[in-house]
Structure formats: structure tokens, C-alpha cells
Amino acid sequence: MNRYLTHLLTLYKNKQLSQDVALSLIEEYKNHHQRDFSDNRSHKIAIIGMSVRMPLADNSEEFWKLLASGKDCVRTFPESRKKD
């Protein structure tokens, strides 16, 4: 993906562009660079999610706060999980 499209997606992600404006700019770019989009197989985008369990935190934001504060989150491995 080129720098322009990456920048547009970053602006949208950071809530600096509305979805309508971002889609409009991407469509306009696509219309002016049609040959770049002729082979869709080489321009696929995947959006991937992530789910994890972190020590002493209910979500990733809480975990990062613990790390930033220098909190040691290492605990003894529970006996009940050792067989896993």
C-alpha cells in the first residue's frame, strides 16, 4: 500500500477524518490510479483482532499502565495449569 493510502487510514484511525471523508478520498484516489487497483489479488487488506489475558489487568490498557509504572506482574505458575 502506498504512503498516501496509509496516511489516510492513519488519520481515520486517529479520528482525524470521518469515515465518509476517508472513503471519499480513497475513492477519488482509486479513480485517478485505476491501474493500481486492476489486480485486486495483490491489494487485499486484512484487519486482524487480538484477544489476550494479561496478569493483574482486565484489559490491555490496564496492563500497559502496570508496565509503565514498573509493577512486577510475574506470578507463580498455578498448579492447576501445569498440566496444560
C-alpha atoms as a PDB file:
ATOM      1  CA  MET A   1       0.000   0.000   0.000  1.00  0.00           C
ATOM      2  CA  ASN A   2       1.393   3.403  -0.821  1.00  0.00           C
ATOM      3  CA  ARG A   3       2.120   6.214   1.625  1.00  0.00           C
ATOM      4  CA  TYR A   4      -0.967   8.261   0.700  1.00  0.00           C
ATOM      5  CA  LEU A   5      -3.411   5.468   1.471  1.00  0.00           C
ATOM      6  CA  THR A   6      -1.506   4.541   4.625  1.00  0.00           C
ATOM      7  CA  HIS A   7      -1.668   8.157   5.754  1.00  0.00           C
ATOM      8  CA  LEU A   8      -5.426   8.341   5.093  1.00  0.00           C
ATOM      9  CA  LEU A   9      -6.021   5.181   7.110  1.00  0.00           C
ATOM     10  CA  THR A  10      -3.870   6.523   9.942  1.00  0.00           C
ATOM     11  CA  LEU A  11      -5.837   9.770  10.005  1.00  0.00           C
ATOM     12  CA  TYR A  12      -9.089   7.795  10.098  1.00  0.00           C
ATOM     13  CA  LYS A  13      -7.778   5.508  12.856  1.00  0.00           C
ATOM     14  CA  ASN A  14      -6.772   8.556  14.921  1.00  0.00           C
ATOM     15  CA  LYS A  15     -10.246  10.049  14.393  1.00  0.00           C
ATOM     16  CA  GLN A  16      -8.840  12.969  12.393  1.00  0.00           C
ATOM     17  CA  LEU A  17     -11.030  12.034   9.399  1.00  0.00           C
ATOM     18  CA  SER A  18     -14.617  10.857   9.415  1.00  0.00           C
ATOM     19  CA  GLN A  19     -15.413   7.573   7.704  1.00  0.00           C
ATOM     20  CA  ASP A  20     -17.279   9.414   4.932  1.00  0.00           C
ATOM     21  CA  VAL A  21     -14.360  11.726   4.189  1.00  0.00           C
ATOM     22  CA  ALA A  22     -11.818   8.884   4.303  1.00  0.00           C
ATOM     23  CA  LEU A  23     -13.882   6.740   1.941  1.00  0.00           C
ATOM     24  CA  SER A  24     -14.405   9.685  -0.399  1.00  0.00           C
ATOM     25  CA  LEU A  25     -10.668  10.441  -0.567  1.00  0.00           C
ATOM     26  CA  ILE A  26      -9.824   6.771  -1.124  1.00  0.00           C
ATOM     27  CA  GLU A  27     -12.421   6.536  -3.901  1.00  0.00           C
ATOM     28  CA  GLU A  28     -11.056   9.689  -5.536  1.00  0.00           C
ATOM     29  CA  TYR A  29      -7.518   8.317  -5.334  1.00  0.00           C
ATOM     30  CA  LYS A  30      -8.691   4.988  -6.743  1.00  0.00           C
ATOM     31  CA  ASN A  31     -10.369   6.733  -9.698  1.00  0.00           C
ATOM     32  CA  HIS A  32      -7.142   8.582 -10.543  1.00  0.00           C
ATOM     33  CA  HIS A  33      -4.961   5.490 -10.124  1.00  0.00           C
ATOM     34  CA  GLN A  34      -7.228   2.840 -11.620  1.00  0.00           C
ATOM     35  CA  ARG A  35      -4.384   0.718 -12.979  1.00  0.00           C
ATOM     36  CA  ASP A  36      -3.028   0.303  -9.425  1.00  0.00           C
ATOM     37  CA  PHE A  37      -6.290  -1.440  -8.471  1.00  0.00           C
ATOM     38  CA  SER A  38      -6.774  -3.587 -11.561  1.00  0.00           C
ATOM     39  CA  ASP A  39      -5.411  -6.725  -9.903  1.00  0.00           C
ATOM     40  CA  ASN A  40      -7.336  -6.915  -6.631  1.00  0.00           C
ATOM     41  CA  ARG A  41      -5.496 -10.055  -5.556  1.00  0.00           C
ATOM     42  CA  SER A  42      -2.370  -8.031  -4.869  1.00  0.00           C
ATOM     43  CA  HIS A  43      -4.184  -5.303  -2.927  1.00  0.00           C
ATOM     44  CA  LYS A  44      -6.031  -7.221  -0.252  1.00  0.00           C
ATOM     45  CA  ILE A  45      -6.183  -5.790   3.239  1.00  0.00           C
ATOM     46  CA  ALA A  46      -6.685  -7.861   6.380  1.00  0.00           C
ATOM     47  CA  ILE A  47      -7.967  -6.419   9.622  1.00  0.00           C
ATOM     48  CA  ILE A  48      -6.855  -8.619  12.460  1.00  0.00           C
ATOM     49  CA  GLY A  49      -8.056  -8.530  16.029  1.00  0.00           C
ATOM     50  CA  MET A  50      -6.343  -9.778  19.128  1.00  0.00           C
ATOM     51  CA  SER A  51      -7.505 -11.146  22.433  1.00  0.00           C
ATOM     52  CA  VAL A  52      -5.244 -11.999  25.365  1.00  0.00           C
ATOM     53  CA  ARG A  53      -5.356 -12.464  29.104  1.00  0.00           C
ATOM     54  CA  MET A  54      -2.811 -10.381  30.994  1.00  0.00           C
ATOM     55  CA  PRO A  55      -1.665 -10.669  34.606  1.00  0.00           C
ATOM     56  CA  LEU A  56      -3.252  -8.305  37.128  1.00  0.00           C
ATOM     57  CA  ALA A  57      -5.226  -6.458  34.420  1.00  0.00           C
ATOM     58  CA  ASP A  58      -8.678  -6.727  32.867  1.00  0.00           C
ATOM     59  CA  ASN A  59      -7.604  -5.227  29.533  1.00  0.00           C
ATOM     60  CA  SER A  60      -4.535  -4.164  27.570  1.00  0.00           C
ATOM     61  CA  GLU A  61      -4.778  -0.536  28.710  1.00  0.00           C
ATOM     62  CA  GLU A  62      -4.610  -1.552  32.382  1.00  0.00           C
ATOM     63  CA  PHE A  63      -1.700  -3.882  31.604  1.00  0.00           C
ATOM     64  CA  TRP A  64       0.295  -1.121  29.860  1.00  0.00           C
ATOM     65  CA  LYS A  65      -0.316   1.162  32.858  1.00  0.00           C
ATOM     66  CA  LEU A  66       1.085  -1.541  35.148  1.00  0.00           C
ATOM     67  CA  LEU A  67       4.146  -1.938  32.921  1.00  0.00           C
ATOM     68  CA  ALA A  68       4.664   1.827  32.688  1.00  0.00           C
ATOM     69  CA  SER A  69       4.522   2.140  36.472  1.00  0.00           C
ATOM     70  CA  GLY A  70       7.193  -0.560  36.852  1.00  0.00           C
ATOM     71  CA  LYS A  71       4.851  -3.042  38.559  1.00  0.00           C
ATOM     72  CA  ASP A  72       6.156  -6.616  38.553  1.00  0.00           C
ATOM     73  CA  CYS A  73       3.336  -8.766  37.141  1.00  0.00           C
ATOM     74  CA  VAL A  74       5.205 -12.080  37.293  1.00  0.00           C
ATOM     75  CA  ARG A  75       3.454 -14.625  39.492  1.00  0.00           C
ATOM     76  CA  THR A  76       3.972 -18.275  40.364  1.00  0.00           C
ATOM     77  CA  PHE A  77       2.501 -20.604  37.768  1.00  0.00           C
ATOM     78  CA  PRO A  78      -0.653 -22.185  39.249  1.00  0.00           C
ATOM     79  CA  GLU A  79      -0.503 -25.948  39.924  1.00  0.00           C
ATOM     80  CA  SER A  80      -3.845 -26.354  38.167  1.00  0.00           C
ATOM     81  CA  ARG A  81      -2.341 -25.067  34.901  1.00  0.00           C
ATOM     82  CA  LYS A  82       0.930 -27.008  34.910  1.00  0.00           C
ATOM     83  CA  LYS A  83      -0.627 -29.990  33.132  1.00  0.00           C
ATOM     84  CA  ASP A  84      -1.776 -27.663  30.282  1.00  0.00           C
END
